[in-house]
C-alpha atoms as a PDB file:
ATOM      1  CA  MET A   1      -0.139  -0.152   0.427  1.00  0.00           C
ATOM      2  CA  VAL A   2       1.088   3.153  -0.760  1.00  0.00           C
ATOM      3  CA  ARG A   3       0.231   6.504   1.861  1.00  0.00           C
ATOM      4  CA  ILE A   4      -0.721   9.715   0.466  1.00  0.00           C
ATOM      5  CA  VAL A   5      -1.888  12.835   1.961  1.00  0.00           C
ATOM      6  CA  PHE A   6      -5.189  15.124   1.815  1.00  0.00           C
ATOM      7  CA  ARG A   7      -5.344  18.387   3.327  1.00  0.00           C
ATOM      8  CA  GLY A   8      -8.231  20.387   2.600  1.00  0.00           C
ATOM      9  CA  PRO A   9      -8.702  23.863   1.833  1.00  0.00           C
ATOM     10  CA  GLU A  10      -8.932  24.340   5.862  1.00  0.00           C
ATOM     11  CA  GLY A  11      -5.747  22.746   6.438  1.00  0.00           C
ATOM     12  CA  ALA A  12      -7.911  19.297   7.417  1.00  0.00           C
ATOM     13  CA  VAL A  13      -5.051  15.997   6.762  1.00  0.00           C
ATOM     14  CA  GLN A  14      -6.097  12.489   6.180  1.00  0.00           C
ATOM     15  CA  ALA A  15      -3.673  10.471   5.456  1.00  0.00           C
ATOM     16  CA  ILE A  16      -4.586   7.076   3.625  1.00  0.00           C
ATOM     17  CA  GLU A  17      -3.245   4.130   2.398  1.00  0.00           C
ATOM     18  CA  VAL A  18      -3.122   2.950  -1.271  1.00  0.00           C
ATOM     19  CA  GLU A  19      -3.495   0.219  -3.694  1.00  0.00           C
ATOM     20  CA  PRO A  20      -0.585   0.973  -6.201  1.00  0.00           C
ATOM     21  CA  GLY A  21      -2.264   0.629  -9.972  1.00  0.00           C
ATOM     22  CA  GLU A  22      -5.414   2.601  -7.848  1.00  0.00           C
ATOM     23  CA  SER A  23      -6.013   6.238  -9.564  1.00  0.00           C
ATOM     24  CA  LEU A  24      -5.904   8.650  -6.787  1.00  0.00           C
ATOM     25  CA  MET A  25      -9.788   9.306  -7.711  1.00  0.00           C
ATOM     26  CA  SER A  26     -10.796   5.938  -6.774  1.00  0.00           C
ATOM     27  CA  GLY A  27      -8.744   5.707  -3.764  1.00  0.00           C
ATOM     28  CA  ALA A  28      -9.429   9.158  -2.710  1.00  0.00           C
ATOM     29  CA  LYS A  29     -13.211   8.133  -2.685  1.00  0.00           C
ATOM     30  CA  ALA A  30     -13.233   4.821  -0.659  1.00  0.00           C
ATOM     31  CA  ALA A  31     -11.408   6.841   2.196  1.00  0.00           C
ATOM     32  CA  GLY A  32     -14.028   9.568   2.445  1.00  0.00           C
ATOM     33  CA  VAL A  33     -11.562  12.421   1.639  1.00  0.00           C
ATOM     34  CA  GLU A  34     -14.092  14.965   1.954  1.00  0.00           C
ATOM     35  CA  GLY A  35     -13.448  17.439  -1.292  1.00  0.00           C
ATOM     36  CA  ILE A  36     -13.057  14.667  -3.797  1.00  0.00           C
ATOM     37  CA  GLU A  37     -16.761  14.656  -5.923  1.00  0.00           C
ATOM     38  CA  ALA A  38     -15.566  12.943  -8.368  1.00  0.00           C
ATOM     39  CA  GLU A  39     -19.445  12.759 -10.304  1.00  0.00           C
ATOM     40  CA  CYS A  40     -18.441  11.163 -13.404  1.00  0.00           C
ATOM     41  CA  GLY A  41     -16.541   8.250 -11.931  1.00  0.00           C
ATOM     42  CA  GLY A  42     -13.350   8.965 -13.303  1.00  0.00           C
ATOM     43  CA  SER A  43     -14.550   9.235 -18.038  1.00  0.00           C
ATOM     44  CA  MET A  44     -12.540  12.530 -17.188  1.00  0.00           C
ATOM     45  CA  VAL A  45     -15.559  14.104 -18.209  1.00  0.00           C
ATOM     46  CA  CYS A  46     -16.877  16.573 -15.072  1.00  0.00           C
ATOM     47  CA  ALA A  47     -13.000  17.870 -13.816  1.00  0.00           C
ATOM     48  CA  THR A  48     -14.749  17.334 -10.348  1.00  0.00           C
ATOM     49  CA  CYS A  49     -11.744  15.636  -8.688  1.00  0.00           C
ATOM     50  CA  GLN A  50      -9.601  18.092  -9.221  1.00  0.00           C
ATOM     51  CA  VAL A  51      -6.191  18.366  -7.052  1.00  0.00           C
ATOM     52  CA  TYR A  52      -3.067  20.435  -6.509  1.00  0.00           C
ATOM     53  CA  VAL A  53       0.920  18.142  -6.540  1.00  0.00           C
ATOM     54  CA  ALA A  54       3.187  19.751  -5.203  1.00  0.00           C
ATOM     55  CA  GLU A  55       6.819  19.290  -6.217  1.00  0.00           C
ATOM     56  CA  PRO A  56       9.083  17.175  -6.299  1.00  0.00           C
ATOM     57  CA  TRP A  57       5.610  14.879  -7.150  1.00  0.00           C
ATOM     58  CA  PHE A  58       4.174  17.016 -10.076  1.00  0.00           C
ATOM     59  CA  SER A  59       7.063  15.962 -11.873  1.00  0.00           C
ATOM     60  CA  MET A  60       7.018  12.510 -10.758  1.00  0.00           C
ATOM     61  CA  ILE A  61       3.762  11.404 -12.060  1.00  0.00           C
ATOM     62  CA  GLY A  62       4.133  12.610 -15.572  1.00  0.00           C
ATOM     63  CA  ALA A  63       2.652  14.967 -17.548  1.00  0.00           C
ATOM     64  CA  ALA A  64      -1.028  15.506 -18.400  1.00  0.00           C
ATOM     65  CA  SER A  65      -2.942  14.579 -21.828  1.00  0.00           C
ATOM     66  CA  ALA A  66      -4.250  17.626 -23.566  1.00  0.00           C
ATOM     67  CA  MET A  67      -7.579  16.253 -22.774  1.00  0.00           C
ATOM     68  CA  GLU A  68      -6.835  16.183 -19.037  1.00  0.00           C
ATOM     69  CA  THR A  69      -5.294  20.229 -19.359  1.00  0.00           C
ATOM     70  CA  GLU A  70      -8.460  21.484 -21.155  1.00  0.00           C
ATOM     71  CA  MET A  71     -10.318  20.115 -18.677  1.00  0.00           C
ATOM     72  CA  VAL A  72      -8.530  20.969 -15.771  1.00  0.00           C
ATOM     73  CA  GLU A  73      -8.793  25.026 -17.615  1.00  0.00           C
ATOM     74  CA  TYR A  74     -12.497  24.776 -16.865  1.00  0.00           C
ATOM     75  CA  THR A  75     -11.931  24.671 -13.370  1.00  0.00           C
ATOM     76  CA  LEU A  76     -13.161  26.801 -10.658  1.00  0.00           C
ATOM     77  CA  HIS A  77      -9.787  27.546  -9.274  1.00  0.00           C
ATOM     78  CA  PRO A  78      -7.327  26.184 -11.005  1.00  0.00           C
ATOM     79  CA  ARG A  79      -3.311  26.434 -10.635  1.00  0.00           C
ATOM     80  CA  PRO A  80      -0.611  24.830 -12.553  1.00  0.00           C
ATOM     81  CA  ASN A  81      -0.120  22.247 -10.938  1.00  0.00           C
ATOM     82  CA  SER A  82      -3.693  20.880 -10.751  1.00  0.00           C
ATOM     83  CA  ARG A  83      -4.094  17.361 -11.562  1.00  0.00           C
ATOM     84  CA  LEU A  84      -7.260  15.831 -12.299  1.00  0.00           C
ATOM     85  CA  SER A  85      -6.514  13.088  -9.348  1.00  0.00           C
ATOM     86  CA  CYS A  86      -9.324  10.086 -11.623  1.00  0.00           C
ATOM     87  CA  GLN A  87      -5.978  10.490 -13.789  1.00  0.00           C
ATOM     88  CA  VAL A  88      -3.351   9.994 -11.563  1.00  0.00           C
ATOM     89  CA  VAL A  89      -2.413   6.093 -11.031  1.00  0.00           C
ATOM     90  CA  VAL A  90      -0.615   5.751  -8.426  1.00  0.00           C
ATOM     91  CA  THR A  91       2.748   3.587  -7.995  1.00  0.00           C
ATOM     92  CA  ALA A  92       5.286   2.242  -5.400  1.00  0.00           C
ATOM     93  CA  THR A  93       7.271   5.575  -5.558  1.00  0.00           C
ATOM     94  CA  MET A  94       4.029   8.579  -4.872  1.00  0.00           C
ATOM     95  CA  ASP A  95       4.810   6.696  -0.910  1.00  0.00           C
ATOM     96  CA  GLY A  96       4.038  10.283   1.560  1.00  0.00           C
ATOM     97  CA  MET A  97       2.649  12.046  -1.933  1.00  0.00           C
ATOM     98  CA  GLU A  98       0.946  15.321  -0.009  1.00  0.00           C
ATOM     99  CA  ILE A  99      -1.881  16.735  -2.129  1.00  0.00           C
ATOM    100  CA  GLU A 100      -4.008  19.468  -1.801  1.00  0.00           C
ATOM    101  CA  VAL A 101      -7.924  19.269  -2.205  1.00  0.00           C
ATOM    102  CA  PRO A 102      -8.865  22.873  -4.024  1.00  0.00           C
ATOM    103  CA  PRO A 103     -11.454  24.556  -1.750  1.00  0.00           C
ATOM    104  CA  ALA A 104     -14.720  24.026  -4.476  1.00  0.00           C
ATOM    105  CA  GLN A 105     -15.079  21.694  -7.133  1.00  0.00           C
ATOM    106  CA  ARG A 106     -18.573  23.104  -8.645  1.00  0.00           C
END
């Protein structure tokens, strides 16, 4: 299992365990991470699973696809380090990764 730490907009911290090969979104939903709406269930059509990934993790997870980049542009609070958690597949090298959840998804 890989330990991922989610930080909410108000500073609340929740550490979860995610199986390698699973998406950040599915791990967050299974653990009840507040703020990860994921209305489309990971189909990359709603962008309500946006997260912020700080360095050095952002560089480690690989580049977003053109479609993901376009979806992020339509979120309420996009940042240069925004990603859709449904598109980030967890690997063992992500153990200890810290993720920030935006203040709102809709």
